[in-house]
N, C-alpha and C. Protein backbone atom coordinates (compact mmCIF):
# COMPACT_ATOMS: atom_id res chain seq x y z
N MET A 1 -3.66 11.51 17.11
CA MET A 1 -2.64 11.53 15.94
C MET A 1 -3.13 12.94 14.97
N ALA A 2 -3.51 13.79 15.57
CA ALA A 2 -3.68 15.07 14.89
C ALA A 2 -2.35 15.61 14.62
N GLY A 3 -2.05 16.17 13.37
CA GLY A 3 -1.14 16.89 12.96
C GLY A 3 0.09 16.40 12.71
N GLU A 4 0.59 15.16 13.11
CA GLU A 4 1.89 14.36 12.81
C GLU A 4 2.32 14.42 11.31
N LEU A 5 1.27 14.65 10.51
CA LEU A 5 1.46 14.14 9.16
C LEU A 5 1.24 15.74 8.45
N ASN A 6 1.20 16.73 8.84
CA ASN A 6 0.78 18.16 8.26
C ASN A 6 2.04 18.24 7.41
N GLY A 7 1.56 18.74 6.16
CA GLY A 7 2.66 19.01 4.98
C GLY A 7 2.91 17.81 4.39
N ARG A 8 2.52 16.62 4.48
CA ARG A 8 3.30 15.25 4.09
C ARG A 8 2.08 14.90 2.96
N LYS A 9 2.38 14.56 1.64
CA LYS A 9 1.68 14.09 0.80
C LYS A 9 2.01 12.67 0.56
N VAL A 10 0.71 11.90 0.68
CA VAL A 10 0.86 10.43 0.67
C VAL A 10 0.05 9.81 -0.63
N ALA A 11 0.67 9.06 -1.16
CA ALA A 11 -0.05 8.23 -2.39
C ALA A 11 -0.85 6.95 -1.90
N VAL A 12 -2.04 6.61 -2.39
CA VAL A 12 -2.05 5.46 -2.09
C VAL A 12 -2.70 4.79 -3.56
N LEU A 13 -2.11 3.80 -3.63
CA LEU A 13 -1.96 3.23 -5.24
C LEU A 13 -2.86 1.79 -5.03
N ALA A 14 -3.83 1.97 -6.02
CA ALA A 14 -5.07 0.89 -6.00
C ALA A 14 -5.54 0.88 -7.37
N ALA A 15 -5.97 -0.17 -7.75
CA ALA A 15 -6.72 -0.51 -8.95
C ALA A 15 -8.00 -0.94 -8.55
N ASP A 16 -8.92 -1.35 -9.63
CA ASP A 16 -10.23 -2.23 -9.68
C ASP A 16 -9.94 -3.16 -8.55
N GLY A 17 -10.96 -3.82 -7.85
CA GLY A 17 -10.86 -4.67 -6.94
C GLY A 17 -10.15 -4.64 -5.50
N VAL A 18 -9.76 -3.41 -5.31
CA VAL A 18 -9.24 -3.14 -4.15
C VAL A 18 -10.37 -3.51 -2.99
N GLU A 19 -9.75 -3.89 -1.63
CA GLU A 19 -10.59 -4.24 -0.56
C GLU A 19 -10.75 -2.95 -0.01
N ARG A 20 -12.20 -2.76 0.10
CA ARG A 20 -12.73 -1.45 0.36
C ARG A 20 -12.38 -0.80 1.44
N ILE A 21 -12.33 -1.84 2.73
CA ILE A 21 -11.78 -1.40 4.02
C ILE A 21 -10.28 -0.89 4.28
N GLU A 22 -9.56 -1.73 3.57
CA GLU A 22 -8.05 -1.47 3.35
C GLU A 22 -7.56 -0.34 2.79
N LEU A 23 -8.54 0.29 2.03
CA LEU A 23 -8.08 1.61 1.58
C LEU A 23 -8.86 2.89 2.26
N VAL A 24 -9.93 2.53 2.52
CA VAL A 24 -10.58 3.61 3.44
C VAL A 24 -9.78 3.65 4.80
N GLN A 25 -9.75 2.65 5.60
CA GLN A 25 -9.32 3.04 6.97
C GLN A 25 -7.95 3.79 7.02
N PRO A 26 -6.93 3.31 6.11
CA PRO A 26 -5.51 3.58 6.38
C PRO A 26 -5.71 5.25 5.88
N ARG A 27 -6.51 5.44 4.78
CA ARG A 27 -6.65 6.64 4.23
C ARG A 27 -7.28 7.72 5.09
N LYS A 28 -8.10 7.25 5.92
CA LYS A 28 -8.87 8.01 7.10
C LYS A 28 -7.75 8.54 8.16
N ALA A 29 -7.12 7.50 8.49
CA ALA A 29 -5.69 7.52 9.58
C ALA A 29 -4.79 8.62 9.21
N LEU A 30 -4.43 8.52 7.76
CA LEU A 30 -3.41 9.50 7.45
C LEU A 30 -4.10 10.75 7.17
N GLN A 31 -5.26 10.97 6.89
CA GLN A 31 -5.99 12.18 6.75
C GLN A 31 -5.94 13.13 8.02
N ASP A 32 -6.37 12.09 9.22
CA ASP A 32 -6.83 12.62 10.43
C ASP A 32 -5.42 13.03 10.98
N ALA A 33 -4.36 12.42 10.58
CA ALA A 33 -3.09 12.81 10.97
C ALA A 33 -2.59 14.29 10.23
N GLY A 34 -3.37 14.32 9.34
CA GLY A 34 -3.02 15.67 8.52
C GLY A 34 -2.26 15.62 7.12
N ALA A 35 -2.57 14.31 6.44
CA ALA A 35 -1.72 14.14 5.23
C ALA A 35 -2.64 14.46 4.20
N ASP A 36 -2.22 15.15 3.16
CA ASP A 36 -2.55 15.38 2.04
C ASP A 36 -2.51 13.85 1.37
N VAL A 37 -3.84 13.17 1.05
CA VAL A 37 -3.84 11.79 0.56
C VAL A 37 -4.60 11.91 -1.04
N GLU A 38 -3.75 11.27 -1.79
CA GLU A 38 -4.04 11.27 -3.26
C GLU A 38 -4.28 9.67 -3.59
N LEU A 39 -5.35 9.35 -4.22
CA LEU A 39 -5.64 7.78 -4.75
C LEU A 39 -4.90 7.75 -6.08
N VAL A 40 -3.93 7.02 -6.42
CA VAL A 40 -3.20 6.91 -7.90
C VAL A 40 -3.58 5.55 -8.22
N SER A 41 -3.84 5.64 -9.56
CA SER A 41 -4.42 4.16 -9.94
C SER A 41 -3.81 4.13 -11.56
N THR A 42 -4.22 2.72 -12.00
CA THR A 42 -3.73 2.50 -13.16
C THR A 42 -4.53 3.38 -14.40
N HIS A 43 -5.70 3.57 -13.87
CA HIS A 43 -6.57 4.70 -15.12
C HIS A 43 -7.15 5.66 -14.25
N GLY A 44 -7.81 6.64 -15.14
CA GLY A 44 -8.58 7.74 -14.50
C GLY A 44 -9.99 7.34 -14.16
N GLY A 45 -10.52 8.14 -13.73
CA GLY A 45 -12.28 7.90 -13.29
C GLY A 45 -12.18 7.60 -12.18
N GLN A 46 -13.10 6.27 -12.11
CA GLN A 46 -13.13 5.80 -10.47
C GLN A 46 -12.88 4.38 -10.75
N ILE A 47 -12.32 3.72 -9.45
CA ILE A 47 -12.18 2.30 -9.15
C ILE A 47 -13.14 1.89 -8.53
N GLN A 48 -13.39 0.25 -8.68
CA GLN A 48 -14.44 -0.26 -8.09
C GLN A 48 -13.58 -0.93 -6.66
N SER A 49 -14.22 -0.82 -5.56
CA SER A 49 -13.96 -1.61 -4.44
C SER A 49 -14.53 -2.81 -4.30
N MET A 50 -14.19 -3.72 -3.57
CA MET A 50 -14.75 -4.71 -3.16
C MET A 50 -14.76 -5.05 -1.73
N ASN A 51 -15.93 -5.90 -1.09
CA ASN A 51 -15.96 -6.35 0.21
C ASN A 51 -15.51 -7.66 -0.02
N GLY A 52 -14.34 -8.28 0.62
CA GLY A 52 -14.15 -9.60 0.59
C GLY A 52 -13.71 -10.31 -0.77
N ASP A 53 -13.24 -9.31 -1.86
CA ASP A 53 -13.27 -9.84 -3.14
C ASP A 53 -14.18 -10.16 -3.93
N ILE A 54 -15.43 -10.49 -3.46
CA ILE A 54 -16.55 -10.90 -4.21
C ILE A 54 -17.73 -9.89 -4.40
N GLU A 55 -17.82 -9.05 -2.99
CA GLU A 55 -18.99 -8.32 -3.41
C GLU A 55 -18.75 -7.05 -3.52
N PRO A 56 -19.23 -6.28 -4.76
CA PRO A 56 -19.03 -5.03 -5.00
C PRO A 56 -19.06 -4.21 -3.93
N ALA A 57 -18.31 -2.94 -3.63
CA ALA A 57 -18.68 -2.10 -2.51
C ALA A 57 -18.59 -0.61 -3.26
N ASP A 58 -18.02 0.38 -2.46
CA ASP A 58 -18.01 1.62 -3.14
C ASP A 58 -16.92 1.95 -4.20
N ARG A 59 -17.45 2.85 -5.45
CA ARG A 59 -16.59 3.34 -6.18
C ARG A 59 -15.51 4.63 -5.65
N PHE A 60 -14.56 4.92 -5.93
CA PHE A 60 -13.83 5.93 -5.68
C PHE A 60 -12.86 6.47 -6.84
N ASP A 61 -13.02 7.87 -6.47
CA ASP A 61 -12.44 8.76 -7.69
C ASP A 61 -10.79 8.78 -7.53
N VAL A 62 -10.53 8.53 -8.71
CA VAL A 62 -8.85 8.66 -8.81
C VAL A 62 -8.43 9.97 -9.14
N ASP A 63 -7.37 10.26 -8.04
CA ASP A 63 -6.98 11.56 -8.21
C ASP A 63 -5.94 11.94 -9.47
N ARG A 64 -4.90 10.83 -9.71
CA ARG A 64 -4.08 10.62 -10.69
C ARG A 64 -3.59 9.03 -11.21
N GLU A 65 -3.40 9.52 -12.36
CA GLU A 65 -2.82 7.88 -12.99
C GLU A 65 -1.25 7.94 -12.51
N VAL A 66 -1.13 6.60 -12.27
CA VAL A 66 0.22 6.31 -12.36
C VAL A 66 1.24 6.38 -13.17
N SER A 67 0.95 6.32 -14.58
CA SER A 67 1.62 6.80 -15.53
C SER A 67 2.14 8.41 -15.60
N GLU A 68 1.29 8.90 -14.68
CA GLU A 68 1.64 10.41 -14.91
C GLU A 68 2.27 11.11 -13.54
N VAL A 69 2.51 10.28 -12.89
CA VAL A 69 3.29 10.58 -11.53
C VAL A 69 4.85 10.19 -11.42
N GLU A 70 5.29 10.86 -10.34
CA GLU A 70 6.73 10.16 -10.08
C GLU A 70 6.65 10.00 -8.49
N SER A 71 7.58 9.18 -7.98
CA SER A 71 7.49 8.77 -6.73
C SER A 71 7.87 10.40 -5.65
N GLY A 72 8.64 11.13 -6.26
CA GLY A 72 9.10 12.15 -5.86
C GLY A 72 8.03 13.19 -5.39
N ASP A 73 6.85 12.87 -6.30
CA ASP A 73 5.82 13.68 -5.75
C ASP A 73 5.02 13.48 -4.42
N TYR A 74 5.38 12.55 -3.81
CA TYR A 74 4.89 12.12 -2.60
C TYR A 74 5.99 11.84 -1.67
N ASP A 75 5.48 12.02 -0.35
CA ASP A 75 6.24 11.69 0.87
C ASP A 75 6.54 10.13 1.24
N ALA A 76 5.44 9.46 0.75
CA ALA A 76 5.17 7.99 1.35
C ALA A 76 4.00 7.59 0.38
N LEU A 77 3.71 6.16 0.59
CA LEU A 77 3.02 5.18 -0.60
C LEU A 77 2.22 4.07 0.47
N VAL A 78 1.21 4.00 0.01
CA VAL A 78 0.16 2.84 0.82
C VAL A 78 -0.30 2.25 -0.36
N VAL A 79 -0.05 0.50 -0.36
CA VAL A 79 -0.82 -0.22 -0.97
C VAL A 79 -1.74 -1.06 -0.40
N PRO A 80 -2.99 -0.74 -0.63
CA PRO A 80 -3.94 -1.71 -0.10
C PRO A 80 -4.17 -3.12 -0.63
N GLY A 81 -4.75 -3.80 -0.05
CA GLY A 81 -4.84 -5.36 -0.66
C GLY A 81 -6.18 -5.70 -1.47
N GLY A 82 -6.99 -6.70 -1.04
CA GLY A 82 -7.82 -7.41 -1.84
C GLY A 82 -6.92 -8.07 -2.86
N THR A 83 -7.36 -9.57 -3.33
CA THR A 83 -6.75 -10.25 -4.30
C THR A 83 -6.36 -9.53 -5.52
N ILE A 84 -7.76 -8.89 -6.08
CA ILE A 84 -7.56 -8.63 -7.56
C ILE A 84 -6.77 -7.40 -7.61
N ASN A 85 -6.86 -6.28 -6.60
CA ASN A 85 -6.12 -5.04 -6.74
C ASN A 85 -4.49 -5.26 -6.95
N PRO A 86 -3.94 -5.83 -6.02
CA PRO A 86 -2.32 -5.83 -6.27
C PRO A 86 -1.99 -6.95 -7.54
N ASP A 87 -2.95 -7.96 -7.72
CA ASP A 87 -2.75 -8.75 -9.13
C ASP A 87 -2.81 -7.73 -10.28
N GLN A 88 -3.84 -7.12 -10.33
CA GLN A 88 -3.67 -5.78 -11.52
C GLN A 88 -2.35 -4.76 -11.37
N LEU A 89 -2.13 -4.41 -10.14
CA LEU A 89 -1.04 -3.51 -10.24
C LEU A 89 0.33 -3.97 -10.58
N ARG A 90 0.46 -5.44 -10.16
CA ARG A 90 1.83 -5.96 -10.64
C ARG A 90 1.96 -6.20 -11.97
N VAL A 91 1.18 -6.22 -12.87
CA VAL A 91 1.22 -6.48 -14.46
C VAL A 91 1.34 -5.11 -14.94
N ASP A 92 1.09 -3.89 -14.15
CA ASP A 92 1.21 -2.57 -14.92
C ASP A 92 2.71 -2.21 -14.54
N ALA A 93 3.56 -1.92 -15.71
CA ALA A 93 4.93 -1.30 -15.64
C ALA A 93 5.16 -0.20 -14.89
N ASP A 94 4.26 0.81 -15.05
CA ASP A 94 4.16 2.05 -14.28
C ASP A 94 4.21 2.05 -12.69
N ALA A 95 2.98 1.11 -12.48
CA ALA A 95 2.88 0.86 -11.01
C ALA A 95 4.27 0.30 -10.47
N VAL A 96 4.53 -0.78 -11.10
CA VAL A 96 5.77 -1.29 -10.73
C VAL A 96 7.19 -0.32 -10.23
N ARG A 97 7.32 0.49 -11.70
CA ARG A 97 8.40 1.31 -11.58
C ARG A 97 8.17 2.50 -10.43
N PHE A 98 6.79 2.57 -10.16
CA PHE A 98 6.46 3.73 -8.86
C PHE A 98 6.88 3.14 -7.69
N VAL A 99 6.40 1.91 -7.35
CA VAL A 99 6.86 1.34 -5.92
C VAL A 99 8.32 1.11 -5.99
N ARG A 100 8.98 0.45 -6.96
CA ARG A 100 10.49 0.53 -6.49
C ARG A 100 11.15 1.71 -6.51
N ALA A 101 10.65 2.84 -7.10
CA ALA A 101 11.18 4.15 -6.98
C ALA A 101 11.04 4.54 -5.56
N PHE A 102 10.00 4.21 -4.99
CA PHE A 102 9.66 4.68 -3.54
C PHE A 102 10.86 4.01 -2.80
N VAL A 103 10.99 2.87 -2.86
CA VAL A 103 12.02 2.01 -1.85
C VAL A 103 13.24 2.65 -2.49
N ASP A 104 13.74 2.75 -3.88
CA ASP A 104 14.97 3.13 -4.08
C ASP A 104 15.31 4.24 -3.51
N GLY A 105 14.03 5.22 -3.10
CA GLY A 105 14.47 6.75 -2.90
C GLY A 105 14.60 6.60 -1.20
N ASN A 106 14.35 5.69 -0.72
CA ASN A 106 14.21 5.61 0.83
C ASN A 106 12.90 6.39 1.36
N ARG A 107 11.88 6.26 0.88
CA ARG A 107 10.69 6.78 1.03
C ARG A 107 9.94 5.71 1.81
N PRO A 108 9.05 6.01 2.75
CA PRO A 108 8.44 4.76 3.51
C PRO A 108 7.31 4.46 2.79
N VAL A 109 6.84 2.92 2.60
CA VAL A 109 6.09 2.32 1.83
C VAL A 109 5.36 1.47 2.98
N ALA A 110 3.98 1.23 2.52
CA ALA A 110 3.17 0.36 3.42
C ALA A 110 2.29 -0.45 2.68
N ALA A 111 2.30 -1.89 3.13
CA ALA A 111 1.13 -2.53 2.24
C ALA A 111 0.72 -3.64 2.81
N ILE A 112 -0.62 -3.96 2.83
CA ILE A 112 -1.59 -4.64 3.62
C ILE A 112 -2.19 -5.89 2.87
N CYS A 113 -2.00 -7.04 3.38
CA CYS A 113 -2.89 -8.43 2.90
C CYS A 113 -2.15 -8.72 1.72
N HIS A 114 -2.82 -8.63 0.59
CA HIS A 114 -2.27 -9.03 -0.72
C HIS A 114 -1.42 -8.19 -1.11
N GLY A 115 -1.53 -6.67 -0.84
CA GLY A 115 -0.84 -5.48 -1.18
C GLY A 115 0.76 -6.00 -1.65
N PRO A 116 1.34 -6.69 -0.47
CA PRO A 116 3.04 -7.02 -0.76
C PRO A 116 3.09 -7.76 -1.93
N TRP A 117 2.25 -8.26 -3.09
CA TRP A 117 2.47 -8.71 -4.01
C TRP A 117 3.21 -7.75 -4.97
N ILE A 118 2.80 -6.60 -5.21
CA ILE A 118 3.46 -5.74 -6.00
C ILE A 118 4.96 -5.38 -5.37
N LEU A 119 5.28 -5.56 -4.16
CA LEU A 119 6.66 -5.53 -3.66
C LEU A 119 7.45 -6.44 -4.29
N VAL A 120 6.68 -7.90 -4.29
CA VAL A 120 7.52 -9.03 -4.88
C VAL A 120 7.85 -8.43 -6.24
N GLU A 121 6.94 -8.14 -7.08
CA GLU A 121 7.06 -7.84 -8.41
C GLU A 121 8.17 -6.81 -8.66
N ALA A 122 8.34 -5.64 -7.84
CA ALA A 122 9.21 -4.63 -7.77
C ALA A 122 10.52 -4.98 -7.14
N ASP A 123 10.69 -6.13 -7.13
CA ASP A 123 11.87 -6.89 -6.43
C ASP A 123 12.26 -6.12 -5.31
N VAL A 124 11.62 -5.94 -4.20
CA VAL A 124 12.07 -5.04 -2.95
C VAL A 124 11.89 -5.74 -1.56
N VAL A 125 11.56 -7.08 -1.58
CA VAL A 125 11.37 -7.72 -0.35
C VAL A 125 12.45 -8.30 -0.34
N ARG A 126 13.43 -8.69 -1.12
CA ARG A 126 14.82 -9.23 -0.71
C ARG A 126 15.76 -8.78 0.45
N GLY A 127 15.70 -9.65 1.41
CA GLY A 127 16.47 -9.05 2.51
C GLY A 127 15.92 -8.59 3.67
N ARG A 128 14.55 -8.42 3.56
CA ARG A 128 13.67 -7.57 4.44
C ARG A 128 12.69 -8.68 5.13
N THR A 129 12.53 -8.51 6.37
CA THR A 129 11.08 -9.06 6.99
C THR A 129 10.05 -8.53 6.75
N VAL A 130 8.93 -9.15 6.29
CA VAL A 130 7.37 -8.94 5.97
C VAL A 130 6.52 -9.88 6.68
N THR A 131 5.40 -9.34 6.46
CA THR A 131 4.17 -10.19 6.74
C THR A 131 3.02 -10.04 5.63
N SER A 132 2.18 -10.88 5.53
CA SER A 132 0.99 -10.56 4.22
C SER A 132 -0.10 -11.69 4.66
N TYR A 133 -0.97 -11.66 3.82
CA TYR A 133 -2.02 -12.65 3.83
C TYR A 133 -1.13 -14.05 3.58
N PRO A 134 -1.88 -14.94 4.08
CA PRO A 134 -0.75 -16.44 3.94
C PRO A 134 -0.82 -16.66 2.60
N SER A 135 -1.56 -16.60 1.52
CA SER A 135 -1.68 -17.04 0.48
C SER A 135 -0.50 -16.49 -0.49
N ILE A 136 0.15 -15.49 -0.08
CA ILE A 136 1.32 -15.03 -0.89
C ILE A 136 2.50 -15.01 -0.18
N ARG A 137 2.75 -15.85 1.01
CA ARG A 137 3.94 -15.86 1.73
C ARG A 137 4.92 -16.67 1.05
N THR A 138 4.44 -17.68 0.31
CA THR A 138 5.41 -18.40 -0.67
C THR A 138 6.27 -17.71 -1.78
N ASP A 139 5.27 -16.90 -2.47
CA ASP A 139 5.83 -15.68 -3.18
C ASP A 139 6.85 -14.88 -2.60
N ILE A 140 6.59 -14.33 -1.41
CA ILE A 140 7.51 -13.27 -0.96
C ILE A 140 8.86 -14.09 -0.46
N ALA A 141 8.80 -15.51 0.06
CA ALA A 141 9.85 -16.39 0.57
C ALA A 141 10.86 -16.49 -0.88
N ASN A 142 9.91 -16.66 -1.73
CA ASN A 142 10.71 -16.86 -3.10
C ASN A 142 11.24 -15.79 -3.89
N ALA A 143 10.98 -14.51 -3.64
CA ALA A 143 11.69 -13.39 -3.60
C ALA A 143 12.62 -13.07 -2.88
N GLY A 144 12.97 -13.85 -1.58
CA GLY A 144 14.20 -13.46 -0.94
C GLY A 144 13.78 -12.64 0.44
N GLY A 145 12.36 -12.44 0.65
CA GLY A 145 11.85 -12.00 1.96
C GLY A 145 11.83 -13.09 2.93
N THR A 146 11.83 -12.58 4.24
CA THR A 146 11.85 -13.43 5.59
C THR A 146 10.23 -13.12 5.69
N VAL A 147 9.30 -14.30 6.02
CA VAL A 147 7.89 -14.17 6.28
C VAL A 147 7.91 -14.39 7.82
N VAL A 148 7.10 -13.44 8.46
CA VAL A 148 6.83 -13.64 9.74
C VAL A 148 5.06 -13.53 10.05
N GLU A 149 4.66 -14.17 11.24
CA GLU A 149 3.29 -14.18 11.37
C GLU A 149 3.22 -12.86 12.51
N GLU A 150 3.17 -11.81 12.10
CA GLU A 150 2.91 -10.53 13.04
C GLU A 150 1.86 -9.69 12.44
N LYS A 151 1.35 -9.05 13.40
CA LYS A 151 0.20 -7.95 13.03
C LYS A 151 0.64 -6.99 11.92
N VAL A 152 1.90 -6.47 12.68
CA VAL A 152 2.27 -5.48 11.49
C VAL A 152 3.93 -5.72 11.71
N VAL A 153 4.77 -5.28 10.64
CA VAL A 153 6.05 -5.23 10.64
C VAL A 153 6.64 -4.23 9.83
N THR A 154 7.68 -3.58 10.37
CA THR A 154 8.72 -2.62 9.37
C THR A 154 9.76 -2.80 9.55
N ASP A 155 10.49 -2.89 8.30
CA ASP A 155 11.83 -3.35 7.97
C ASP A 155 12.39 -2.57 6.88
N GLN A 156 13.47 -1.91 7.09
CA GLN A 156 14.17 -1.01 6.16
C GLN A 156 12.88 0.03 5.39
N GLY A 157 11.94 0.65 6.09
CA GLY A 157 11.18 1.45 5.31
C GLY A 157 9.89 0.92 4.87
N ILE A 158 9.96 -0.22 4.73
CA ILE A 158 8.86 -1.07 4.40
C ILE A 158 7.90 -1.47 5.57
N THR A 159 6.53 -1.23 5.55
CA THR A 159 5.55 -1.73 6.57
C THR A 159 4.52 -2.72 6.05
N THR A 160 4.40 -3.88 6.47
CA THR A 160 3.49 -4.84 5.95
C THR A 160 2.50 -5.13 7.11
N SER A 161 1.63 -5.64 6.80
CA SER A 161 0.38 -6.22 7.53
C SER A 161 -0.45 -7.25 7.15
N ARG A 162 -0.99 -8.35 7.91
CA ARG A 162 -1.58 -9.39 7.24
C ARG A 162 -3.08 -9.35 6.56
N ASN A 163 -3.81 -8.64 7.18
CA ASN A 163 -5.22 -8.62 6.80
C ASN A 163 -6.04 -7.72 7.63
N PRO A 164 -7.56 -7.46 7.10
CA PRO A 164 -8.28 -6.31 7.82
C PRO A 164 -8.43 -6.36 9.40
N ASP A 165 -8.04 -7.28 10.01
CA ASP A 165 -8.43 -7.49 11.40
C ASP A 165 -7.16 -6.63 12.00
N ASP A 166 -5.83 -6.40 11.31
CA ASP A 166 -4.65 -6.07 11.69
C ASP A 166 -4.90 -4.34 11.51
N LEU A 167 -5.89 -3.74 10.76
CA LEU A 167 -5.94 -2.28 10.32
C LEU A 167 -5.88 -1.27 11.46
N PRO A 168 -6.05 -1.61 12.75
CA PRO A 168 -5.77 -0.60 13.78
C PRO A 168 -4.33 -0.50 14.04
N ALA A 169 -3.53 -1.86 14.18
CA ALA A 169 -2.19 -1.87 14.47
C ALA A 169 -1.51 -1.04 13.25
N PHE A 170 -1.93 -1.35 12.04
CA PHE A 170 -1.28 -0.99 10.82
C PHE A 170 -1.26 0.45 10.48
N CYS A 171 -2.62 0.85 10.75
CA CYS A 171 -2.97 2.31 10.89
C CYS A 171 -2.00 3.07 11.73
N GLU A 172 -1.91 2.82 12.85
CA GLU A 172 -1.10 3.58 13.90
C GLU A 172 0.54 3.51 13.70
N ARG A 173 0.71 2.44 13.03
CA ARG A 173 2.40 2.12 12.53
C ARG A 173 2.58 3.11 11.34
N ILE A 174 1.56 3.09 10.53
CA ILE A 174 1.98 3.92 9.08
C ILE A 174 2.26 5.43 9.55
N VAL A 175 1.20 5.89 10.50
CA VAL A 175 1.19 7.27 10.73
C VAL A 175 2.68 7.62 11.37
N ALA A 176 2.86 6.61 12.52
CA ALA A 176 4.33 6.78 13.06
C ALA A 176 5.41 6.74 12.18
N GLU A 177 5.26 5.81 11.26
CA GLU A 177 6.42 5.46 10.29
C GLU A 177 6.66 6.78 9.29
N PHE A 178 5.31 7.22 8.70
CA PHE A 178 5.36 8.38 7.98
C PHE A 178 5.60 9.66 8.23
N ALA A 179 5.36 9.73 9.80
CA ALA A 179 5.78 11.09 10.44
C ALA A 179 7.42 11.09 10.78
N LYS A 180 8.17 9.80 10.75
CA LYS A 180 9.38 10.00 10.61
C LYS A 180 10.25 10.48 9.44
N GLY A 181 9.51 10.22 8.43
CA GLY A 181 9.98 10.62 6.85
C GLY A 181 10.31 9.55 6.20
């Protein structure tokens, strides 16, 4: 996977409460493929990651605040999960705008676990087939998305996955999708 993403810049949009492994593994896969990856969040400083939503894990330095960036600054976007992270993102108008602009601009977007919650809030799942953590599937269906039970799904530039067990397939797919542009 080395070099496929040389010259590509990827945003990872995450807030406090992000599931640690869902931030770390995709970021590493993208960096190993040559991408320049920046952590974008709702605030500066650091964000607190979690293991399984309840156990505090590592803190991560934020590269840029979502209120200060544009989707055009990046070639692709990743939204990790954890229950708390996307719930915080979906109530932040700048984060919702950022996600919607990626989809409107036909730039690839990937979300795992509860991450698709912000896709629902941005109103970009309508007419798309997606997967997610089971507890948000009704929200996706109510927003006009078709939910499937698969490890990883890509439809019209949006790649989604169910949970941390699917990270190997998710990481492989996002590198391939992001390499396409």
